[in-house]
N, C-alpha and C. Protein backbone atom coordinates (compact mmCIF):
# COMPACT_ATOMS: atom_id res chain seq x y z
N MET A 1 0.82 -1.17 0.00
CA MET A 1 0.01 -0.01 0.00
C MET A 1 0.89 1.25 0.00
N HIS A 2 0.61 2.17 -0.91
CA HIS A 2 1.35 3.43 -0.96
C HIS A 2 0.67 4.40 0.01
N ARG A 3 1.47 5.23 0.60
CA ARG A 3 0.95 6.29 1.46
C ARG A 3 1.60 7.60 1.01
N ASP A 4 0.76 8.59 0.77
CA ASP A 4 1.29 9.88 0.35
C ASP A 4 1.60 10.75 1.52
N PHE A 5 2.75 11.35 1.56
CA PHE A 5 3.10 12.26 2.61
C PHE A 5 3.10 13.67 1.99
N LEU A 6 2.40 14.57 2.63
CA LEU A 6 2.18 15.89 2.08
C LEU A 6 2.94 16.93 2.89
N VAL A 7 3.67 17.79 2.19
CA VAL A 7 4.41 18.82 2.88
C VAL A 7 3.47 19.94 3.34
N ASP A 8 2.41 20.17 2.58
CA ASP A 8 1.57 21.34 2.87
C ASP A 8 0.18 21.03 3.38
N GLY A 9 -0.02 19.91 4.00
CA GLY A 9 -1.30 19.58 4.59
C GLY A 9 -1.82 18.26 4.11
N GLY A 10 -2.87 17.77 4.69
CA GLY A 10 -3.44 16.52 4.28
C GLY A 10 -3.27 15.45 5.33
N GLU A 11 -3.01 14.24 4.87
CA GLU A 11 -2.88 13.09 5.80
C GLU A 11 -1.80 13.36 6.86
N ASP A 12 -0.63 13.62 6.43
CA ASP A 12 0.50 13.82 7.33
C ASP A 12 1.21 15.12 6.96
N LYS A 13 1.34 16.00 7.87
CA LYS A 13 2.04 17.25 7.61
C LYS A 13 3.47 17.08 8.10
N LEU A 14 4.43 17.22 7.19
CA LEU A 14 5.82 17.02 7.53
C LEU A 14 6.60 18.32 7.34
N SER A 15 7.54 18.53 8.21
CA SER A 15 8.49 19.62 8.00
C SER A 15 9.41 19.24 6.87
N MET A 16 10.12 20.19 6.31
CA MET A 16 11.06 19.90 5.24
C MET A 16 12.13 18.95 5.73
N ALA A 17 12.63 19.15 6.95
CA ALA A 17 13.66 18.27 7.52
C ALA A 17 13.13 16.84 7.65
N ALA A 18 11.87 16.67 8.11
CA ALA A 18 11.32 15.34 8.26
C ALA A 18 11.10 14.68 6.89
N LEU A 19 10.68 15.45 5.91
CA LEU A 19 10.48 14.92 4.56
C LEU A 19 11.82 14.44 4.01
N ILE A 20 12.86 15.22 4.16
CA ILE A 20 14.18 14.84 3.67
C ILE A 20 14.65 13.57 4.35
N GLU A 21 14.49 13.50 5.66
CA GLU A 21 14.92 12.35 6.44
C GLU A 21 14.18 11.10 6.02
N LEU A 22 12.86 11.21 5.88
CA LEU A 22 12.03 10.06 5.47
C LEU A 22 12.35 9.60 4.05
N LEU A 23 12.47 10.54 3.10
CA LEU A 23 12.81 10.20 1.75
C LEU A 23 14.15 9.50 1.67
N SER A 24 15.13 10.04 2.39
CA SER A 24 16.48 9.43 2.39
C SER A 24 16.44 8.00 2.92
N ALA A 25 15.74 7.81 4.06
CA ALA A 25 15.66 6.51 4.70
C ALA A 25 14.97 5.47 3.80
N VAL A 26 13.90 5.91 3.13
CA VAL A 26 13.13 4.98 2.30
C VAL A 26 13.94 4.59 1.06
N THR A 27 14.56 5.55 0.37
CA THR A 27 15.34 5.22 -0.84
C THR A 27 16.58 4.45 -0.52
N GLU A 28 17.19 4.73 0.63
CA GLU A 28 18.38 3.95 1.06
C GLU A 28 18.04 2.47 1.27
N LYS A 29 16.79 2.18 1.61
CA LYS A 29 16.36 0.80 1.76
C LYS A 29 15.91 0.16 0.44
N GLY A 30 16.09 0.92 -0.67
CA GLY A 30 15.72 0.38 -1.96
C GLY A 30 14.27 0.49 -2.31
N LYS A 31 13.53 1.31 -1.61
CA LYS A 31 12.08 1.46 -1.83
C LYS A 31 11.78 2.82 -2.46
N SER A 32 10.62 2.94 -3.05
CA SER A 32 10.16 4.21 -3.65
C SER A 32 9.32 4.97 -2.62
N PHE A 33 9.28 6.27 -2.83
CA PHE A 33 8.60 7.19 -1.90
C PHE A 33 7.73 8.14 -2.72
N ARG A 34 6.43 8.28 -2.34
CA ARG A 34 5.53 9.15 -3.06
C ARG A 34 5.10 10.31 -2.17
N PHE A 35 5.00 11.49 -2.81
CA PHE A 35 4.48 12.64 -2.11
C PHE A 35 3.98 13.66 -3.11
N LYS A 36 3.23 14.64 -2.61
CA LYS A 36 2.68 15.69 -3.50
C LYS A 36 3.73 16.76 -3.71
N ALA A 37 3.91 17.09 -4.98
CA ALA A 37 4.86 18.16 -5.36
C ALA A 37 4.27 19.49 -4.93
N SER A 38 5.14 20.41 -4.65
CA SER A 38 4.74 21.77 -4.24
C SER A 38 5.55 22.75 -5.05
N GLY A 39 4.91 23.62 -5.76
CA GLY A 39 5.63 24.66 -6.55
C GLY A 39 5.38 24.54 -8.02
N ILE A 40 5.98 25.47 -8.75
CA ILE A 40 5.77 25.54 -10.21
C ILE A 40 7.08 25.47 -10.99
N SER A 41 8.18 25.18 -10.34
CA SER A 41 9.45 25.20 -11.05
C SER A 41 9.63 24.17 -12.14
N MET A 42 8.75 23.13 -12.14
CA MET A 42 8.87 22.09 -13.15
C MET A 42 7.67 22.06 -14.13
N VAL A 43 6.84 23.09 -14.05
CA VAL A 43 5.68 23.18 -14.96
C VAL A 43 6.19 23.26 -16.42
N PRO A 44 5.62 22.59 -17.38
CA PRO A 44 4.36 21.84 -17.35
C PRO A 44 4.47 20.37 -17.02
N PHE A 45 5.73 19.87 -16.85
CA PHE A 45 5.90 18.42 -16.70
C PHE A 45 5.56 17.93 -15.29
N ILE A 46 5.83 18.72 -14.27
CA ILE A 46 5.35 18.42 -12.91
C ILE A 46 4.68 19.69 -12.41
N LYS A 47 3.42 19.54 -12.06
CA LYS A 47 2.66 20.70 -11.59
C LYS A 47 2.46 20.63 -10.10
N ASP A 48 2.13 21.78 -9.50
CA ASP A 48 1.84 21.87 -8.06
C ASP A 48 0.74 20.83 -7.74
N ARG A 49 0.97 20.02 -6.71
CA ARG A 49 0.04 19.00 -6.19
C ARG A 49 0.01 17.72 -7.01
N ASP A 50 0.84 17.58 -8.06
CA ASP A 50 1.01 16.30 -8.72
C ASP A 50 1.62 15.34 -7.68
N ILE A 51 1.31 14.08 -7.79
CA ILE A 51 1.93 13.08 -6.93
C ILE A 51 3.13 12.52 -7.69
N ILE A 52 4.31 12.65 -7.07
CA ILE A 52 5.52 12.15 -7.71
C ILE A 52 6.08 10.98 -6.92
N THR A 53 6.65 10.07 -7.65
CA THR A 53 7.32 8.90 -7.03
C THR A 53 8.83 9.08 -7.21
N ILE A 54 9.52 9.03 -6.09
CA ILE A 54 11.00 9.10 -6.11
C ILE A 54 11.48 7.71 -5.82
N SER A 55 12.33 7.19 -6.70
CA SER A 55 12.88 5.84 -6.55
C SER A 55 14.39 5.89 -6.36
N PRO A 56 14.96 4.81 -5.79
CA PRO A 56 16.42 4.79 -5.67
C PRO A 56 17.04 4.88 -7.06
N ILE A 57 18.25 5.44 -7.11
CA ILE A 57 18.93 5.63 -8.39
C ILE A 57 19.58 4.33 -8.80
N PRO A 58 19.23 3.82 -9.99
CA PRO A 58 19.85 2.59 -10.47
C PRO A 58 21.33 2.85 -10.84
N SER A 59 22.12 1.79 -10.90
CA SER A 59 23.51 1.96 -11.24
C SER A 59 23.63 2.54 -12.68
N GLY A 60 24.61 3.38 -12.88
CA GLY A 60 24.78 3.98 -14.21
C GLY A 60 23.93 5.23 -14.39
N ARG A 61 23.17 5.64 -13.38
CA ARG A 61 22.33 6.81 -13.48
C ARG A 61 22.61 7.69 -12.31
N PRO A 62 22.20 8.84 -12.23
CA PRO A 62 21.30 9.53 -13.16
C PRO A 62 22.02 10.06 -14.38
N GLU A 63 21.25 10.31 -15.41
CA GLU A 63 21.79 10.78 -16.67
C GLU A 63 21.19 12.17 -16.98
N ILE A 64 21.77 12.80 -17.99
CA ILE A 64 21.23 14.06 -18.46
C ILE A 64 19.77 13.85 -18.89
N GLY A 65 18.91 14.71 -18.42
CA GLY A 65 17.49 14.63 -18.72
C GLY A 65 16.66 14.01 -17.62
N ASP A 66 17.31 13.26 -16.72
CA ASP A 66 16.58 12.67 -15.60
C ASP A 66 16.10 13.76 -14.66
N VAL A 67 14.94 13.53 -14.06
CA VAL A 67 14.43 14.44 -13.06
C VAL A 67 14.71 13.77 -11.72
N VAL A 68 15.37 14.53 -10.81
CA VAL A 68 15.84 13.98 -9.58
C VAL A 68 15.41 14.81 -8.36
N ALA A 69 15.34 14.17 -7.23
CA ALA A 69 15.14 14.84 -5.95
C ALA A 69 16.54 15.04 -5.37
N PHE A 70 16.82 16.23 -4.86
CA PHE A 70 18.16 16.52 -4.39
C PHE A 70 18.09 17.57 -3.27
N LEU A 71 19.19 17.63 -2.53
CA LEU A 71 19.32 18.66 -1.47
C LEU A 71 20.08 19.84 -2.05
N LEU A 72 19.53 21.02 -1.89
CA LEU A 72 20.23 22.22 -2.28
C LEU A 72 21.34 22.45 -1.26
N PRO A 73 22.60 22.54 -1.71
CA PRO A 73 23.72 22.71 -0.80
C PRO A 73 23.56 23.95 0.08
N GLY A 74 23.76 23.75 1.40
CA GLY A 74 23.69 24.85 2.34
C GLY A 74 22.30 25.39 2.65
N ALA A 75 21.27 24.80 2.07
CA ALA A 75 19.92 25.30 2.28
C ALA A 75 19.02 24.37 3.07
N ASP A 76 19.44 23.13 3.25
CA ASP A 76 18.60 22.13 3.94
C ASP A 76 17.19 22.13 3.35
N ARG A 77 17.15 22.15 2.03
CA ARG A 77 15.85 22.16 1.30
C ARG A 77 15.89 21.13 0.18
N LEU A 78 14.81 20.43 0.03
CA LEU A 78 14.64 19.43 -1.03
C LEU A 78 14.11 20.12 -2.28
N ALA A 79 14.61 19.74 -3.43
CA ALA A 79 14.13 20.26 -4.70
C ALA A 79 14.01 19.06 -5.67
N VAL A 80 13.13 19.21 -6.65
CA VAL A 80 12.98 18.22 -7.72
C VAL A 80 13.10 18.96 -9.01
N HIS A 81 14.23 18.73 -9.68
CA HIS A 81 14.53 19.41 -10.96
C HIS A 81 15.22 18.42 -11.91
N ARG A 82 15.52 18.90 -13.11
CA ARG A 82 16.09 18.08 -14.18
C ARG A 82 17.61 18.27 -14.33
N ILE A 83 18.32 17.16 -14.49
CA ILE A 83 19.77 17.25 -14.76
C ILE A 83 19.96 17.75 -16.17
N ILE A 84 20.69 18.82 -16.35
CA ILE A 84 20.94 19.33 -17.69
C ILE A 84 22.40 19.17 -18.14
N GLU A 85 23.27 18.81 -17.17
CA GLU A 85 24.66 18.64 -17.52
C GLU A 85 25.37 17.85 -16.41
N LYS A 86 26.35 17.03 -16.78
CA LYS A 86 27.18 16.31 -15.81
C LYS A 86 28.51 17.04 -15.75
N ARG A 87 29.04 17.18 -14.50
CA ARG A 87 30.32 17.85 -14.29
C ARG A 87 31.04 17.33 -13.07
N ASP A 88 32.34 17.13 -13.15
CA ASP A 88 33.18 16.87 -12.02
C ASP A 88 32.53 16.38 -10.73
N GLY A 89 32.06 15.18 -10.69
CA GLY A 89 31.46 14.61 -9.50
C GLY A 89 30.12 15.18 -9.10
N GLY A 90 29.51 15.89 -10.01
CA GLY A 90 28.22 16.48 -9.71
C GLY A 90 27.40 16.77 -10.97
N TYR A 91 26.35 17.51 -10.79
CA TYR A 91 25.41 17.78 -11.86
C TYR A 91 24.98 19.23 -11.86
N ILE A 92 24.78 19.77 -13.06
CA ILE A 92 24.09 21.06 -13.17
C ILE A 92 22.60 20.67 -13.30
N ILE A 93 21.80 21.20 -12.36
CA ILE A 93 20.40 20.83 -12.30
C ILE A 93 19.57 22.11 -12.41
N LYS A 94 18.43 22.02 -13.10
CA LYS A 94 17.62 23.21 -13.34
C LYS A 94 16.15 22.80 -13.41
N GLY A 95 15.28 23.67 -12.85
CA GLY A 95 13.86 23.50 -13.02
C GLY A 95 13.47 23.85 -14.44
N ASP A 96 12.51 23.13 -15.03
CA ASP A 96 12.09 23.37 -16.38
C ASP A 96 11.43 24.75 -16.56
N ASN A 97 10.95 25.33 -15.49
CA ASN A 97 10.19 26.59 -15.57
C ASN A 97 10.89 27.74 -14.87
N VAL A 98 12.21 27.64 -14.71
CA VAL A 98 12.99 28.72 -14.10
C VAL A 98 14.14 29.10 -15.03
N PRO A 99 14.55 30.38 -15.00
CA PRO A 99 15.56 30.81 -15.95
C PRO A 99 17.00 30.37 -15.64
N GLU A 100 17.32 30.17 -14.37
CA GLU A 100 18.68 29.84 -13.97
C GLU A 100 18.79 28.46 -13.32
N PRO A 101 19.93 27.78 -13.56
CA PRO A 101 20.14 26.49 -12.90
C PRO A 101 20.37 26.64 -11.40
N ASP A 102 20.27 25.54 -10.69
CA ASP A 102 20.49 25.50 -9.25
C ASP A 102 21.98 25.57 -8.93
N GLY A 103 22.83 25.41 -9.95
CA GLY A 103 24.26 25.41 -9.77
C GLY A 103 24.78 23.98 -9.79
N LEU A 104 26.04 23.80 -9.41
CA LEU A 104 26.64 22.48 -9.38
C LEU A 104 26.22 21.79 -8.09
N ILE A 105 25.52 20.67 -8.30
CA ILE A 105 25.01 19.90 -7.15
C ILE A 105 25.87 18.64 -7.02
N PRO A 106 26.54 18.46 -5.86
CA PRO A 106 27.35 17.24 -5.68
C PRO A 106 26.50 15.98 -5.82
N ALA A 107 27.11 14.96 -6.40
CA ALA A 107 26.39 13.69 -6.59
C ALA A 107 25.83 13.14 -5.28
N LYS A 108 26.49 13.39 -4.17
CA LYS A 108 26.00 12.88 -2.87
C LYS A 108 24.70 13.55 -2.42
N ASN A 109 24.37 14.69 -3.02
CA ASN A 109 23.16 15.42 -2.67
C ASN A 109 21.92 14.90 -3.43
N VAL A 110 22.13 14.06 -4.44
CA VAL A 110 21.02 13.50 -5.20
C VAL A 110 20.48 12.31 -4.49
N LEU A 111 19.21 12.40 -4.07
CA LEU A 111 18.58 11.40 -3.22
C LEU A 111 17.80 10.33 -3.96
N GLY A 112 17.29 10.66 -5.17
CA GLY A 112 16.51 9.70 -5.89
C GLY A 112 16.05 10.24 -7.24
N LEU A 113 15.48 9.35 -8.01
CA LEU A 113 15.06 9.62 -9.39
C LEU A 113 13.52 9.66 -9.46
N VAL A 114 12.98 10.64 -10.10
CA VAL A 114 11.52 10.69 -10.32
C VAL A 114 11.19 9.64 -11.35
N THR A 115 10.36 8.67 -10.96
CA THR A 115 10.00 7.60 -11.88
C THR A 115 8.54 7.61 -12.30
N SER A 116 7.75 8.47 -11.63
CA SER A 116 6.32 8.56 -11.99
C SER A 116 5.77 9.89 -11.52
N VAL A 117 4.86 10.41 -12.36
CA VAL A 117 4.13 11.62 -12.04
C VAL A 117 2.65 11.35 -12.29
N GLU A 118 1.82 11.57 -11.28
CA GLU A 118 0.37 11.38 -11.43
C GLU A 118 -0.32 12.71 -11.25
N ARG A 119 -1.26 12.97 -12.17
CA ARG A 119 -2.05 14.20 -12.13
C ARG A 119 -3.51 13.85 -12.30
N ASN A 120 -4.31 14.25 -11.37
CA ASN A 120 -5.75 13.99 -11.43
C ASN A 120 -6.06 12.50 -11.64
N GLY A 121 -5.31 11.65 -10.98
CA GLY A 121 -5.57 10.22 -11.11
C GLY A 121 -5.04 9.55 -12.34
N HIS A 122 -4.32 10.29 -13.19
CA HIS A 122 -3.74 9.77 -14.42
C HIS A 122 -2.23 9.93 -14.41
N ARG A 123 -1.54 9.05 -15.09
CA ARG A 123 -0.10 9.12 -15.17
C ARG A 123 0.29 10.15 -16.22
N ALA A 124 1.15 11.10 -15.85
CA ALA A 124 1.69 12.07 -16.81
C ALA A 124 2.92 11.47 -17.43
N LEU A 125 3.00 11.44 -18.76
CA LEU A 125 4.08 10.71 -19.41
C LEU A 125 5.23 11.59 -19.92
N LEU A 126 4.95 12.76 -20.43
CA LEU A 126 5.97 13.55 -21.07
C LEU A 126 6.97 14.08 -20.03
N GLY A 127 8.22 13.96 -20.34
CA GLY A 127 9.27 14.50 -19.50
C GLY A 127 10.11 13.46 -18.79
N LEU A 128 9.68 12.21 -18.78
CA LEU A 128 10.43 11.19 -18.09
C LEU A 128 10.89 10.08 -19.06
N GLY A 129 10.41 10.08 -20.26
CA GLY A 129 10.79 9.05 -21.25
C GLY A 129 11.94 9.48 -22.13
N MET A 130 11.95 9.01 -23.36
CA MET A 130 13.04 9.31 -24.27
C MET A 130 13.20 10.80 -24.54
N GLU A 131 12.11 11.55 -24.43
CA GLU A 131 12.14 13.00 -24.71
C GLU A 131 12.90 13.79 -23.65
N ARG A 132 13.28 13.15 -22.52
CA ARG A 132 13.87 13.90 -21.43
C ARG A 132 15.20 14.55 -21.82
N ARG A 133 15.98 13.95 -22.73
CA ARG A 133 17.25 14.56 -23.17
C ARG A 133 16.99 15.83 -23.99
N LEU A 134 15.99 15.77 -24.84
CA LEU A 134 15.62 16.97 -25.60
C LEU A 134 15.13 18.08 -24.68
N ILE A 135 14.33 17.73 -23.72
CA ILE A 135 13.81 18.69 -22.77
C ILE A 135 14.99 19.31 -21.99
N ALA A 136 16.00 18.47 -21.58
CA ALA A 136 17.16 18.97 -20.87
C ALA A 136 17.96 19.97 -21.75
N ALA A 137 18.09 19.65 -23.01
CA ALA A 137 18.81 20.56 -23.91
C ALA A 137 18.07 21.89 -24.04
N LEU A 138 16.77 21.83 -24.18
CA LEU A 138 15.97 23.07 -24.29
C LEU A 138 16.03 23.85 -22.97
N ALA A 139 15.97 23.14 -21.84
CA ALA A 139 16.01 23.80 -20.51
C ALA A 139 17.37 24.46 -20.29
N ARG A 140 18.44 23.78 -20.77
CA ARG A 140 19.79 24.32 -20.59
C ARG A 140 19.89 25.71 -21.17
N HIS A 141 19.18 25.90 -22.29
CA HIS A 141 19.27 27.22 -22.96
C HIS A 141 18.02 28.06 -22.74
N ASP A 142 17.21 27.69 -21.73
CA ASP A 142 16.02 28.41 -21.35
C ASP A 142 15.06 28.60 -22.54
N LEU A 143 14.88 27.54 -23.33
CA LEU A 143 14.06 27.61 -24.52
C LEU A 143 12.68 26.95 -24.34
N LEU A 144 12.46 26.31 -23.20
CA LEU A 144 11.15 25.66 -23.00
C LEU A 144 10.04 26.67 -23.03
N LYS A 145 10.24 27.87 -22.58
CA LYS A 145 9.15 28.88 -22.54
C LYS A 145 8.72 29.22 -23.98
N LEU A 146 9.64 29.12 -24.96
CA LEU A 146 9.24 29.40 -26.34
C LEU A 146 8.33 28.33 -26.90
N ILE A 147 8.57 27.10 -26.51
CA ILE A 147 7.78 25.99 -26.98
C ILE A 147 6.37 26.12 -26.46
N ARG A 148 6.21 26.52 -25.24
CA ARG A 148 4.86 26.65 -24.66
C ARG A 148 4.03 27.70 -25.36
N VAL A 149 4.68 28.63 -26.06
CA VAL A 149 3.96 29.72 -26.72
C VAL A 149 3.25 29.21 -27.99
N GLY A 150 3.87 28.28 -28.72
CA GLY A 150 3.31 27.81 -29.97
C GLY A 150 2.06 27.00 -29.78
N SER A 151 0.97 27.32 -30.48
CA SER A 151 -0.30 26.64 -30.27
C SER A 151 -0.24 25.17 -30.73
N LEU A 152 0.46 24.90 -31.84
CA LEU A 152 0.55 23.54 -32.32
C LEU A 152 1.30 22.69 -31.27
N THR A 153 2.42 23.20 -30.79
CA THR A 153 3.19 22.46 -29.77
C THR A 153 2.37 22.27 -28.53
N ARG A 154 1.61 23.29 -28.12
CA ARG A 154 0.79 23.19 -26.94
C ARG A 154 -0.24 22.04 -27.10
N LYS A 155 -0.82 21.95 -28.32
CA LYS A 155 -1.79 20.90 -28.57
C LYS A 155 -1.13 19.52 -28.51
N LEU A 156 0.06 19.40 -29.12
CA LEU A 156 0.78 18.13 -29.05
C LEU A 156 1.13 17.74 -27.64
N LEU A 157 1.63 18.71 -26.87
CA LEU A 157 1.99 18.43 -25.47
C LEU A 157 0.75 17.99 -24.70
N ALA A 158 -0.36 18.65 -24.92
CA ALA A 158 -1.59 18.32 -24.21
C ALA A 158 -2.01 16.87 -24.52
N ARG A 159 -1.81 16.41 -25.75
CA ARG A 159 -2.21 15.05 -26.13
C ARG A 159 -1.35 13.99 -25.50
N VAL A 160 -0.04 14.25 -25.32
CA VAL A 160 0.83 13.19 -24.84
C VAL A 160 1.14 13.30 -23.35
N MET A 161 0.84 14.46 -22.72
CA MET A 161 1.21 14.64 -21.31
C MET A 161 0.40 13.74 -20.39
N ILE A 162 -0.86 13.51 -20.66
CA ILE A 162 -1.66 12.71 -19.76
C ILE A 162 -2.40 11.66 -20.58
N LYS A 163 -2.22 10.41 -20.23
CA LYS A 163 -2.94 9.33 -20.90
C LYS A 163 -3.77 8.62 -19.89
């Protein structure tokens, strides 16, 4: 049975420190952890209140384009953003809906990999499959906002984002 832990209310209200501790403990045991996302930094691929599943990182990963849960250095805050570049023992990670990357995140700060996004009871598909590398390249250059402007692209995204 899955249990959702909510940062901002609901079944269980957790502090950020408690959420980080619980997520770390669960993924270290090789299990997945589900909770409701909070914020708009990953829109349109992860929206506020989507249920996301964070799973342990398989060997050989994470890769460019993967969406990961990580600790922001020096902030004691959890974030869920996309890897846009690998560098010297760490990753450049950026939200799809923000102009600047989070900076160089040490590999030890990456807690898990987003393996599922649920919205309104349906699985959201776009952003975690093969297209994740293209999305990472567009995010690296802050070009995702241009795609959202085009009506044809918006229609295509709407068709494949939720099945």
